[in-house]
Protein backbone atom coordinates (compact mmCIF):
# COMPACT_ATOMS: atom_id res chain seq x y z
CA MET A 1 75.94 127.56 44.88
CA GLY A 2 76.18 125.20 47.86
CA ARG A 3 73.12 123.68 49.41
CA ILE A 4 71.60 125.50 52.38
CA SER A 5 70.92 123.24 55.34
CA PRO A 6 67.26 122.71 56.41
CA ILE A 7 68.06 124.03 59.90
CA LYS A 8 69.41 127.28 58.44
CA ILE A 9 66.31 127.68 56.27
CA VAL A 10 64.07 127.25 59.35
CA LEU A 11 66.11 129.75 61.40
CA GLN A 12 66.02 132.34 58.59
CA SER A 13 62.22 132.07 58.51
CA PHE A 14 61.95 133.48 62.07
CA THR A 15 61.57 137.19 62.70
CA ASP A 16 63.35 138.98 65.56
CA SER A 17 60.19 138.98 67.65
CA GLU A 18 59.77 135.24 67.14
CA TYR A 19 63.39 134.69 68.26
CA ILE A 20 62.64 136.56 71.47
CA ILE A 21 59.52 134.47 72.06
CA ILE A 22 61.48 131.22 71.55
CA ILE A 23 64.23 132.34 73.92
CA ASP A 24 61.67 133.36 76.54
CA LYS A 25 59.98 129.98 76.17
CA VAL A 26 63.29 128.12 76.66
CA ILE A 27 64.01 130.19 79.77
CA GLU A 28 60.51 129.46 81.08
CA ILE A 29 60.91 125.69 80.51
CA TRP A 30 64.36 125.75 82.20
CA GLY A 31 62.85 127.60 85.16
CA GLN A 32 60.07 125.05 85.52
CA LEU A 33 62.52 122.18 85.14
CA LYS A 34 64.68 123.62 87.93
CA VAL A 35 61.76 124.10 90.31
CA ILE A 36 59.96 120.83 89.62
CA VAL A 37 62.87 118.38 89.04
CA LEU A 38 66.43 119.60 89.49
CA GLU A 39 66.21 121.57 92.74
CA PRO A 40 64.26 118.87 94.67
CA LEU A 41 66.62 116.19 93.35
CA LEU A 42 69.71 118.17 94.31
CA ARG A 43 68.22 118.96 97.73
CA VAL A 44 67.63 115.25 98.43
CA LEU A 45 71.17 114.47 97.24
CA MET A 46 72.51 117.20 99.51
CA TYR A 47 70.66 115.91 102.59
CA VAL A 48 71.82 112.34 101.96
CA SER A 49 75.40 113.54 101.46
CA LEU A 50 75.33 115.64 104.62
CA ALA A 51 73.96 112.69 106.61
CA MET A 52 76.79 110.52 105.28
CA SER A 53 79.27 113.28 106.09
CA VAL A 54 78.06 113.35 109.71
CA MET A 55 78.38 109.55 109.93
CA LEU A 56 81.96 109.73 108.68
CA PHE A 57 82.74 112.67 110.97
CA ILE A 58 81.52 110.83 114.07
CA GLU A 59 83.51 107.73 113.09
CA LYS A 60 86.71 109.74 112.54
CA VAL A 61 86.35 111.66 115.80
CA TYR A 62 85.66 108.46 117.75
CA MET A 63 88.75 106.72 116.36
CA SER A 64 90.91 109.78 117.00
CA LEU A 65 89.72 109.93 120.61
CA VAL A 66 90.61 106.25 121.11
CA VAL A 67 94.10 106.78 119.66
CA GLY A 68 94.58 109.95 121.71
CA PHE A 69 93.49 108.17 124.89
CA ASN A 70 95.92 105.30 124.23
CA LYS A 71 98.81 107.69 123.64
CA LEU A 72 97.97 109.90 126.62
CA PHE A 73 97.88 106.97 129.03
CA ARG A 74 100.55 104.98 127.13
CA ARG A 75 98.27 102.04 126.63
CA LYS A 76 99.60 99.40 124.26
CA THR A 77 97.35 96.61 123.07
CA GLU A 78 100.16 94.05 122.94
CA LYS A 79 100.69 94.42 126.71
CA ARG A 80 97.38 92.65 127.26
CA TYR A 81 98.83 89.49 125.79
CA LYS A 82 101.54 87.20 127.07
CA TRP A 83 104.87 87.34 125.24
CA GLU A 84 107.91 85.19 126.08
CA GLU A 85 111.01 84.37 124.10
CA PHE A 86 111.56 80.79 123.05
CA LYS A 87 114.38 79.10 124.92
CA ASP A 88 116.81 76.90 123.03
CA ASP A 89 116.80 73.23 123.93
CA VAL A 90 119.81 71.37 122.54
CA GLU A 91 118.42 67.93 123.40
CA SER A 92 115.11 68.51 121.62
CA GLU A 93 116.88 69.97 118.55
CA ASN A 94 114.76 73.15 118.52
CA SER A 95 111.45 71.26 118.75
CA VAL A 96 110.24 73.90 121.22
CA TYR A 97 109.96 76.23 118.24
CA PRO A 98 106.70 75.88 116.30
CA LEU A 99 106.87 74.96 112.64
CA VAL A 100 106.17 78.06 110.52
CA LEU A 101 105.15 78.21 106.87
CA ILE A 102 106.03 81.30 104.83
CA GLN A 103 104.01 81.91 101.65
CA ILE A 104 105.08 84.34 98.90
CA PRO A 105 102.46 84.61 96.13
CA MET A 106 103.68 86.24 92.91
CA PHE A 107 102.75 86.81 89.29
CA ASN A 108 105.15 87.84 86.50
CA GLU A 109 107.33 89.83 88.89
CA ARG A 110 110.48 91.71 87.89
CA GLU A 111 113.84 90.28 88.88
CA GLU A 112 114.46 93.26 91.18
CA VAL A 113 111.24 92.44 93.03
CA TYR A 114 111.29 88.68 93.60
CA GLN A 115 114.99 88.65 94.47
CA LEU A 116 114.39 91.14 97.28
CA SER A 117 111.35 89.35 98.72
CA ILE A 118 112.75 85.82 98.49
CA GLY A 119 116.07 87.03 99.88
CA ALA A 120 114.40 88.79 102.80
CA VAL A 121 112.26 85.76 103.69
CA CYS A 122 115.24 83.41 103.44
CA GLY A 123 117.07 85.79 105.78
CA LEU A 124 114.49 85.40 108.55
CA SER A 125 116.09 84.40 111.83
CA TRP A 126 114.38 81.15 112.86
CA PRO A 127 115.68 77.59 113.32
CA SER A 128 116.20 76.23 109.81
CA ASN A 129 114.45 72.94 110.58
CA ARG A 130 111.36 74.79 111.88
CA ILE A 131 110.61 76.99 108.86
CA VAL A 132 109.22 76.12 105.42
CA ILE A 133 109.18 78.65 102.57
CA GLN A 134 106.70 78.46 99.70
CA VAL A 135 107.06 80.54 96.54
CA LEU A 136 103.64 80.37 94.90
CA ASP A 137 104.21 81.37 91.29
CA ASP A 138 101.23 82.06 89.00
CA SER A 139 103.43 83.59 86.30
CA THR A 140 102.50 83.17 82.65
CA ASP A 141 105.83 84.43 81.28
CA PRO A 142 108.11 81.39 80.68
CA LEU A 143 111.26 83.46 81.27
CA VAL A 144 110.00 84.80 84.59
CA LYS A 145 109.01 81.30 85.74
CA SER A 146 112.44 79.89 84.96
CA LEU A 147 114.23 82.80 86.67
CA VAL A 148 112.13 82.51 89.85
CA GLU A 149 112.73 78.76 89.95
CA VAL A 150 116.49 79.32 89.59
CA GLU A 151 116.34 81.84 92.45
CA CYS A 152 114.60 79.26 94.66
CA GLU A 153 117.16 76.60 93.74
CA LYS A 154 119.95 79.00 94.64
CA TRP A 155 118.57 79.42 98.17
CA ALA A 156 117.83 75.70 98.47
CA SER A 157 121.51 75.00 97.74
CA LYS A 158 122.33 77.21 100.73
CA GLY A 159 120.31 74.95 103.02
CA LYS A 160 116.98 76.78 103.01
CA ASN A 161 113.81 74.68 103.09
CA ILE A 162 112.23 76.43 100.11
CA HIS A 163 109.65 75.05 97.67
CA TYR A 164 108.85 76.46 94.25
CA GLN A 165 105.17 75.80 93.53
CA LEU A 166 103.94 76.60 90.03
CA ARG A 167 100.28 76.67 89.00
CA HIS A 168 99.26 76.26 85.38
CA ASN A 169 96.11 78.36 85.81
CA ARG A 170 95.17 81.48 87.77
CA LYS A 171 91.87 80.22 89.14
CA GLY A 172 90.96 82.27 92.20
CA TYR A 173 94.00 84.52 91.68
CA LYS A 174 95.85 85.12 94.97
CA ALA A 175 93.28 83.24 97.09
CA GLY A 176 93.54 80.27 94.72
CA ALA A 177 97.34 80.25 94.94
CA LEU A 178 97.36 80.42 98.75
CA LYS A 179 94.70 77.70 98.99
CA GLU A 180 96.62 75.45 96.60
CA GLY A 181 99.80 75.97 98.61
CA LEU A 182 98.16 74.70 101.79
CA LYS A 183 97.22 71.41 100.14
CA HIS A 184 100.80 70.12 100.29
CA SER A 185 101.53 67.67 103.10
CA TYR A 186 104.48 69.66 104.46
CA ALA A 187 102.24 72.74 104.76
CA ASN A 188 99.67 70.87 106.87
CA GLU A 189 102.36 70.08 109.44
CA CYS A 190 102.90 73.79 110.14
CA GLU A 191 101.26 75.51 113.08
CA TYR A 192 101.44 79.06 111.73
CA VAL A 193 101.57 80.65 108.28
CA ALA A 194 103.07 84.05 107.48
CA ILE A 195 102.20 85.72 104.17
CA PHE A 196 104.26 88.27 102.27
CA ASP A 197 103.37 89.73 98.89
CA ALA A 198 106.13 89.78 96.29
CA ASP A 199 107.35 93.31 97.13
CA PHE A 200 107.46 92.85 100.93
CA GLN A 201 110.76 92.55 102.78
CA PRO A 202 110.45 91.49 106.45
CA GLU A 203 113.28 92.18 108.88
CA PRO A 204 115.25 89.12 110.12
CA ASP A 205 113.61 89.26 113.59
CA PHE A 206 110.02 89.36 112.26
CA LEU A 207 109.10 85.84 113.45
CA TRP A 208 110.81 86.33 116.82
CA LYS A 209 108.56 89.33 117.48
CA THR A 210 105.25 87.93 116.20
CA ILE A 211 105.12 84.15 116.74
CA PRO A 212 105.40 84.31 120.59
CA PHE A 213 102.11 86.25 120.75
CA LEU A 214 100.31 83.48 118.88
CA HIS A 215 102.15 80.68 120.67
CA HIS A 216 101.38 81.91 124.21
CA ASN A 217 97.83 83.23 123.59
CA SER A 218 95.55 80.51 122.28
CA GLN A 219 92.69 82.94 121.57
CA LEU A 220 94.73 84.90 119.01
CA GLY A 221 94.17 83.89 115.40
CA LEU A 222 96.08 86.66 113.59
CA VAL A 223 98.97 89.04 114.18
CA GLN A 224 99.06 91.89 111.66
CA THR A 225 102.03 94.24 111.31
CA ARG A 226 102.43 97.65 109.72
CA TRP A 227 103.66 98.52 106.23
CA LYS A 228 106.71 100.73 105.67
CA PHE A 229 106.95 102.35 102.24
CA VAL A 230 110.39 102.34 100.64
CA ASN A 231 109.42 104.60 97.72
CA SER A 232 107.11 107.11 99.39
CA ASP A 233 109.33 109.98 98.15
CA GLU A 234 109.35 108.78 94.54
CA CYS A 235 106.67 111.23 93.37
CA LEU A 236 103.80 113.36 94.66
CA MET A 237 101.32 110.52 94.13
CA THR A 238 103.26 108.16 96.41
CA ARG A 239 103.36 110.87 99.08
CA MET A 240 99.55 111.10 98.88
CA GLN A 241 99.26 107.32 99.22
CA GLU A 242 101.55 107.37 102.23
CA MET A 243 99.24 109.88 103.97
CA SER A 244 96.15 107.73 103.37
CA LEU A 245 97.75 104.42 104.34
CA ASN A 246 99.47 105.83 107.42
CA TYR A 247 96.05 106.88 108.69
CA HIS A 248 94.72 103.40 107.98
CA PHE A 249 97.44 101.71 110.00
CA LYS A 250 98.01 104.27 112.77
CA VAL A 251 94.31 104.88 113.43
CA GLU A 252 91.89 102.36 111.88
CA GLN A 253 93.94 99.22 112.56
CA GLU A 254 95.10 100.46 115.96
CA VAL A 255 91.56 101.26 117.10
CA GLY A 256 90.18 97.92 115.89
CA SER A 257 92.88 96.09 117.82
CA SER A 258 92.84 98.16 121.01
CA THR A 259 89.04 98.05 121.41
CA HIS A 260 88.85 94.30 120.65
CA SER A 261 86.27 95.16 117.98
CA PHE A 262 87.50 94.09 114.57
CA PHE A 263 90.09 95.02 111.97
CA GLY A 264 90.82 93.50 108.59
CA PHE A 265 93.78 91.42 107.56
CA ASN A 266 95.83 93.44 105.08
CA GLY A 267 96.62 90.41 102.93
CA THR A 268 100.33 90.51 103.68
CA ALA A 269 102.86 91.14 106.48
CA GLY A 270 100.74 89.09 108.89
CA VAL A 271 100.84 85.70 110.59
CA TRP A 272 97.83 83.39 110.87
CA ARG A 273 97.30 80.52 113.26
CA MET A 274 96.63 77.58 110.95
CA ALA A 275 93.80 76.37 113.21
CA ALA A 276 92.00 79.75 112.90
CA LEU A 277 92.44 79.79 109.14
CA ASN A 278 91.04 76.28 108.78
CA GLU A 279 88.14 76.79 111.20
CA ALA A 280 87.10 79.91 109.25
CA GLY A 281 86.84 77.83 106.08
CA GLY A 282 90.18 78.66 104.48
CA TRP A 283 90.75 80.91 101.49
CA LYS A 284 87.76 81.81 99.28
CA ASP A 285 87.90 83.51 95.91
CA ARG A 286 84.33 84.86 95.81
CA THR A 287 85.58 88.49 95.95
CA THR A 288 88.79 90.39 95.18
CA VAL A 289 89.44 90.91 98.93
CA GLU A 290 90.15 87.35 100.02
CA ASP A 291 92.11 88.71 103.00
CA MET A 292 89.17 90.68 104.39
CA ASP A 293 86.82 87.77 103.67
CA LEU A 294 88.96 85.40 105.75
CA ALA A 295 89.32 87.94 108.58
CA VAL A 296 85.56 88.49 108.87
CA ARG A 297 84.84 84.75 108.89
CA ALA A 298 87.54 84.07 111.49
CA SER A 299 86.25 86.91 113.66
CA LEU A 300 82.73 85.46 113.49
CA LYS A 301 84.19 82.20 114.82
CA GLY A 302 85.38 84.08 117.91
CA TRP A 303 89.09 84.44 117.07
CA LYS A 304 90.87 87.61 118.27
CA PHE A 305 93.33 89.66 116.23
CA LEU A 306 96.37 91.70 117.32
CA TYR A 307 97.83 94.63 115.41
CA LEU A 308 101.51 95.43 116.07
CA GLY A 309 102.26 98.90 114.76
CA SER A 310 105.78 98.75 116.18
CA ILE A 311 106.77 96.08 113.64
CA GLN A 312 107.16 97.53 110.14
CA VAL A 313 107.66 95.57 106.93
CA LYS A 314 109.15 97.34 103.93
CA ASN A 315 107.13 97.35 100.73
CA GLU A 316 106.51 99.37 97.58
CA LEU A 317 103.72 101.78 96.67
CA PRO A 318 102.41 101.82 93.08
CA SER A 319 104.14 104.72 91.34
CA SER A 320 102.13 104.83 88.10
CA PHE A 321 98.56 106.13 88.07
CA LYS A 322 97.35 103.20 85.98
CA ALA A 323 98.62 100.68 88.56
CA TYR A 324 97.20 102.72 91.43
CA ARG A 325 93.81 103.05 89.71
CA TYR A 326 93.51 99.28 89.25
CA GLN A 327 94.57 98.69 92.86
CA GLN A 328 91.97 101.14 94.19
CA HIS A 329 89.26 99.56 92.04
CA ARG A 330 90.01 96.20 93.67
CA TRP A 331 90.23 97.68 97.18
CA SER A 332 86.91 99.56 96.80
CA CYS A 333 84.88 97.06 94.79
CA GLY A 334 85.90 94.02 96.87
CA PRO A 335 84.73 95.25 100.32
CA ALA A 336 81.39 96.46 98.92
CA ASN A 337 80.83 93.11 97.23
CA LEU A 338 81.86 91.21 100.39
CA PHE A 339 79.43 93.33 102.43
CA ARG A 340 76.64 92.30 100.06
CA LYS A 341 77.56 88.63 100.42
CA MET A 342 78.16 88.55 104.19
CA VAL A 343 75.79 91.03 105.83
CA TYR A 344 73.09 88.41 106.49
CA GLU A 345 75.69 85.89 107.69
CA ILE A 346 76.97 88.48 110.18
CA ILE A 347 73.46 89.31 111.42
CA ILE A 348 72.48 85.69 112.18
CA ASN A 349 75.84 84.73 113.69
CA GLU A 350 75.56 83.55 117.30
CA ASN A 351 79.26 83.39 118.24
CA VAL A 352 79.89 87.12 118.68
CA THR A 353 78.23 89.92 120.63
CA LEU A 354 75.71 92.38 119.23
CA ARG A 355 78.26 95.16 119.76
CA LYS A 356 80.77 93.41 117.52
CA LYS A 357 78.15 92.75 114.85
CA LEU A 358 77.20 96.43 114.83
CA HIS A 359 80.85 97.43 114.63
CA VAL A 360 81.55 95.17 111.65
CA ILE A 361 78.36 96.03 109.75
CA TYR A 362 78.09 99.75 110.49
CA SER A 363 81.58 101.08 111.27
CA PHE A 364 83.87 98.74 109.35
CA PHE A 365 81.79 98.05 106.23
CA PHE A 366 79.08 100.68 105.82
CA VAL A 367 80.84 103.86 106.96
CA ARG A 368 84.48 103.15 106.07
CA LYS A 369 84.06 101.02 102.94
CA ILE A 370 80.93 102.49 101.36
CA VAL A 371 79.93 105.88 102.81
CA ALA A 372 83.50 107.26 102.85
CA HIS A 373 83.91 106.77 99.08
CA ILE A 374 80.45 107.91 98.02
CA VAL A 375 80.20 111.06 100.14
CA THR A 376 83.65 112.27 99.07
CA PHE A 377 82.69 112.26 95.41
CA VAL A 378 78.99 113.13 95.58
CA LEU A 379 79.24 116.05 98.03
CA TYR A 380 82.44 117.70 96.81
CA CYS A 381 82.30 116.91 93.08
CA VAL A 382 78.54 116.86 92.40
CA VAL A 383 76.43 118.66 95.02
CA ILE A 384 78.66 121.71 95.60
CA PRO A 385 79.28 122.41 91.87
CA ALA A 386 75.59 121.83 91.07
CA SER A 387 74.52 124.24 93.83
CA VAL A 388 76.34 126.99 91.92
CA TRP A 389 73.88 126.57 89.04
CA LEU A 390 70.92 126.05 91.38
CA PRO A 391 71.54 128.74 94.05
CA LYS A 392 68.25 128.08 95.84
CA VAL A 393 69.83 124.87 97.12
CA GLU A 394 72.23 126.16 99.77
CA VAL A 395 74.74 123.74 101.29
CA PRO A 396 75.26 124.68 104.97
CA THR A 397 78.67 126.01 105.94
CA TRP A 398 79.20 123.26 108.49
CA GLY A 399 78.92 120.72 105.66
CA THR A 400 81.29 122.49 103.27
CA ILE A 401 83.92 123.87 105.66
CA TYR A 402 83.80 122.76 109.30
CA ILE A 403 83.28 118.99 108.99
CA PRO A 404 85.61 118.57 105.95
CA THR A 405 88.34 120.62 107.68
CA ILE A 406 88.21 118.53 110.86
CA ILE A 407 88.15 115.25 108.91
CA THR A 408 91.13 116.41 106.82
CA ILE A 409 93.16 117.40 109.88
CA LEU A 410 92.43 114.08 111.60
CA ASN A 411 93.61 112.23 108.48
CA ALA A 412 96.68 114.36 107.90
CA VAL A 413 98.18 114.24 111.40
CA GLY A 414 99.13 110.60 110.80
CA THR A 415 101.90 111.84 108.49
CA PRO A 416 103.27 115.06 110.05
CA ARG A 417 106.04 115.46 107.45
CA SER A 418 103.41 115.83 104.71
CA LEU A 419 101.12 118.37 106.41
CA TYR A 420 102.19 121.04 103.91
CA LEU A 421 100.85 118.82 101.10
CA VAL A 422 97.36 118.62 102.57
CA VAL A 423 95.72 120.68 99.78
CA PHE A 424 97.22 118.38 97.14
CA TRP A 425 96.04 115.39 99.15
CA ILE A 426 92.45 116.73 99.34
CA VAL A 427 92.05 117.30 95.60
CA PHE A 428 93.83 114.02 94.75
CA GLU A 429 91.55 112.05 97.09
CA ASN A 430 88.52 113.68 95.45
CA VAL A 431 89.80 112.58 92.04
CA MET A 432 90.26 109.03 93.32
CA ALA A 433 86.79 109.17 94.89
CA LEU A 434 85.40 109.11 91.34
CA HIS A 435 86.98 105.68 90.76
CA ARG A 436 86.26 104.41 94.26
CA THR A 437 82.58 105.39 94.07
CA LYS A 438 82.20 103.68 90.72
CA ALA A 439 83.95 100.56 92.05
CA THR A 440 81.78 100.60 95.20
CA PHE A 441 78.57 100.53 93.17
CA ILE A 442 80.01 97.80 90.94
CA GLY A 443 80.65 95.74 94.08
CA ILE A 444 77.23 96.39 95.62
CA PHE A 445 75.30 95.52 92.46
CA GLU A 446 77.77 92.86 91.21
CA ALA A 447 78.10 94.59 87.86
CA GLU A 448 80.73 93.99 85.20
CA ARG A 449 84.35 94.07 86.48
CA VAL A 450 83.20 92.98 89.97
CA ASN A 451 85.83 90.22 90.06
CA GLU A 452 88.45 92.01 87.96
CA TRP A 453 91.94 91.38 89.30
CA VAL A 454 94.89 93.26 87.82
CA VAL A 455 98.13 92.61 89.70
CA THR A 456 99.70 95.86 90.93
CA GLU A 457 102.90 96.52 89.00
CA LYS A 458 106.03 96.61 91.13
CA HIS A 459 109.55 97.78 90.31
CA GLY A 460 111.77 96.88 93.26
CA ASP A 461 114.36 99.45 94.31
CA ASP A 462 116.62 99.06 91.30
CA SER A 463 116.67 102.63 89.93
CA LYS A 464 118.46 101.64 86.74
CA ALA A 465 115.73 99.16 85.86
CA LYS A 466 113.11 101.83 86.52
CA THR A 467 114.86 104.31 84.23
CA ILE A 468 115.10 101.79 81.38
CA THR A 469 111.44 100.85 81.83
CA SER A 470 110.32 104.48 81.87
CA GLN A 471 112.26 105.27 78.70
CA HIS A 472 110.75 102.22 77.01
CA GLU A 473 107.24 103.28 78.06
CA ILE A 474 107.79 106.82 76.72
CA ARG A 475 109.01 105.51 73.36
CA GLY A 476 105.91 103.28 73.14
CA PHE A 477 103.63 106.12 74.21
CA LYS A 478 100.07 106.26 72.86
CA LEU A 479 97.98 109.36 73.49
CA SER A 480 94.78 107.30 73.69
CA GLU A 481 96.26 105.25 76.56
CA ARG A 482 97.27 108.35 78.49
CA LEU A 483 94.14 110.48 78.19
CA LEU A 484 91.34 109.76 80.67
CA VAL A 485 88.13 111.17 79.21
CA VAL A 486 85.99 111.00 82.36
CA GLU A 487 88.56 112.93 84.41
CA LEU A 488 88.92 115.54 81.65
CA CYS A 489 85.13 116.00 81.47
CA MET A 490 84.92 116.37 85.26
CA GLY A 491 87.72 118.95 85.13
CA ILE A 492 85.97 120.98 82.44
CA ILE A 493 82.62 120.86 84.27
CA LEU A 494 84.23 122.02 87.52
CA PHE A 495 86.18 124.78 85.73
CA VAL A 496 83.04 126.13 84.01
CA SER A 497 81.14 125.92 87.32
CA GLY A 498 83.96 127.84 88.99
CA CYS A 499 83.79 130.56 86.34
CA TYR A 500 80.01 130.84 86.79
CA ASP A 501 80.42 131.06 90.58
CA LEU A 502 83.10 133.74 90.19
CA ALA A 503 80.73 135.79 88.03
CA PHE A 504 77.42 135.26 89.81
CA GLY A 505 78.00 133.33 93.05
CA LYS A 506 78.42 134.53 96.59
CA ASN A 507 79.97 131.55 98.45
CA TYR A 508 83.50 131.66 96.98
CA TYR A 509 83.20 128.05 95.82
CA TYR A 510 85.23 128.96 92.74
CA ILE A 511 88.45 128.85 94.78
CA TYR A 512 87.92 125.18 95.55
CA MET A 513 86.47 124.33 92.13
CA TYR A 514 89.43 125.81 90.24
CA LEU A 515 91.84 123.72 92.33
CA GLN A 516 89.74 120.58 91.92
CA ALA A 517 89.36 121.22 88.17
CA ILE A 518 93.14 121.46 87.80
CA ALA A 519 93.55 118.16 89.68
CA PHE A 520 91.06 116.39 87.39
CA ILE A 521 92.59 117.86 84.22
CA VAL A 522 96.18 117.06 85.25
CA THR A 523 95.07 113.49 86.01
CA GLY A 524 93.07 113.33 82.79
CA VAL A 525 96.10 114.14 80.63
CA GLY A 526 98.24 111.59 82.45
CA TYR A 527 100.60 113.91 84.32
CA ILE A 528 100.44 112.16 87.65
CA GLY A 529 102.66 109.47 89.10
CA THR A 530 106.00 108.58 87.55
C-alpha cells in the first residue's frame, strides 16, 4: 500500500459539519479582508487613476484645440521665422554657405541599412566644400566594421568629404559617440550639425529647407523634422506604431513649436546650431534619452526650437516585438529618469518664464511621460478588472467610456487610413502600457536596467535579406525565448475576470476584458510583429 499524505489524513478526519464550518469561516475572513483592506485600496487606486485620466484628457483636448485652431486659420509656425535661399557667389567659392557637419551614429548595422543611410546623406544637395560627413561606428563585429569602412572609402573616392570614426568602446552609447565625434578639429569648424540615425534617409534638399531657418534666425537652436515610415504596412504592429508616432509628430511636436512652449529633440532628423549645443553643455550620457536631455538644457538657456512637419525623413519602424519592447523600455524609462534628475534644475532656472517651467514640468514630463503610461495600465488593466471582483467599488461611466473614447478619437485622427484598426490599437497600447509603466517606475526610482541600452534592430528595405533572416530565426526558434510569462498571466487574469463578469456582473466589462485578454495572450505566445 502507498503512503497516505498527512494533508489527506487531516482532511479525512473532518466531518461534513466541520467542512461547512471551515468554508463559512473562509468566506467570513474573505469578506472582512474585502471590507477592511481590498475595497479601500482599490477605491484609492481608482480615484488616483481617474484624476490622472482627467489630467491626460485636459492635455489631449488642449493640444487638439491648438492644432485645430492652426489648421482653421492656416497658421504655420515656420512663417514666423525668416527664410531666404542662399545665393551663389562664384568669387567667394560658396563661402556664403555655412559649414555643416552630418553625423551618422551606428552599431553593428546590416549592409542594407548603412548603405541606404550613407548613400542618402552623401546625396544631400549642398556645396561639397561646405559639408562634412561623419560615420560614427561603435560596431563590435569586425566584419561589419570593415564593410562600413569600405563603404565610406567608396564615397570618399567619389569626392565626398566623409570620415569614418571608429570607437573601441561603447561608453555613453549614442551620446558618447556623438560627443566623441565633435572632438575632431574639422567638426569644431562647422556652424551646424545634422544628425541621422542609421536607418534614416533624408531627401537631397533637406539642408536647403532647414539650414536657412537657423542661418537667418539667431534665436533658433534646433530645427526638427518629421519621420516618414517606409515599412508601416509590414505588419499590424507597425501600423499601430504609425498611429502612435503620427500623433506625436502631428500634435505634440506641432503644439510645442507653435505655442513657443517646448518640444523634445527626437534624436535624429534634426539640425542643431553648434553654439546652442555647446552652450547647453553638449551631449551627456546620464540617461538613455540624451536627445531629450540636450533639448531641455538648451531650452533652459533660452534657445528656441522649430518643428517642420512639412519635411519628412524616411526611416524604419521596428518590426519584431522584441526590438519594439526594448525600444519602448528606453523611451519610457529615460524620460522618467531625466525628470528625476532635472526637475530641481528646471525649478531654480532663471532664464525662462514661469509658464515655460510649468509646461516642461507638468505637461511635457509629468502628464505625457509619466501619467500617460501609468494610467493606461492601472485603470484599464488593474482597476476595471478588480472592480468585477469587488463590485462595491464602482468606476464611473465617464471614466470607463466617455474620457477613454474621446482620448482614443483624438489620437486616432492623426492617421485617418488606420481608423478601422482603432480597437486593435487600443488593446495593443494597453499591452505596451505594462512595459511602459514598469520602465517608468524603473526610471523614477533608478532601479536595475535604468541605463539599459539595446540598439533597435533594423533591416533596411531589402526584402530578400529579411526573408533569409526570418527563416534563420525560425530554424533557431526556442519556445522559452518566445513565451512572455507576464503577458500570459495578465491574459489569463483578464479572461477569468471577464468570465466572472459575464456570470455575475452588470456593467458588460467582459466585452472589453475578453478582447484585452486575447491581446495579452497573443502577445504572450509571440504572435505579434513579423
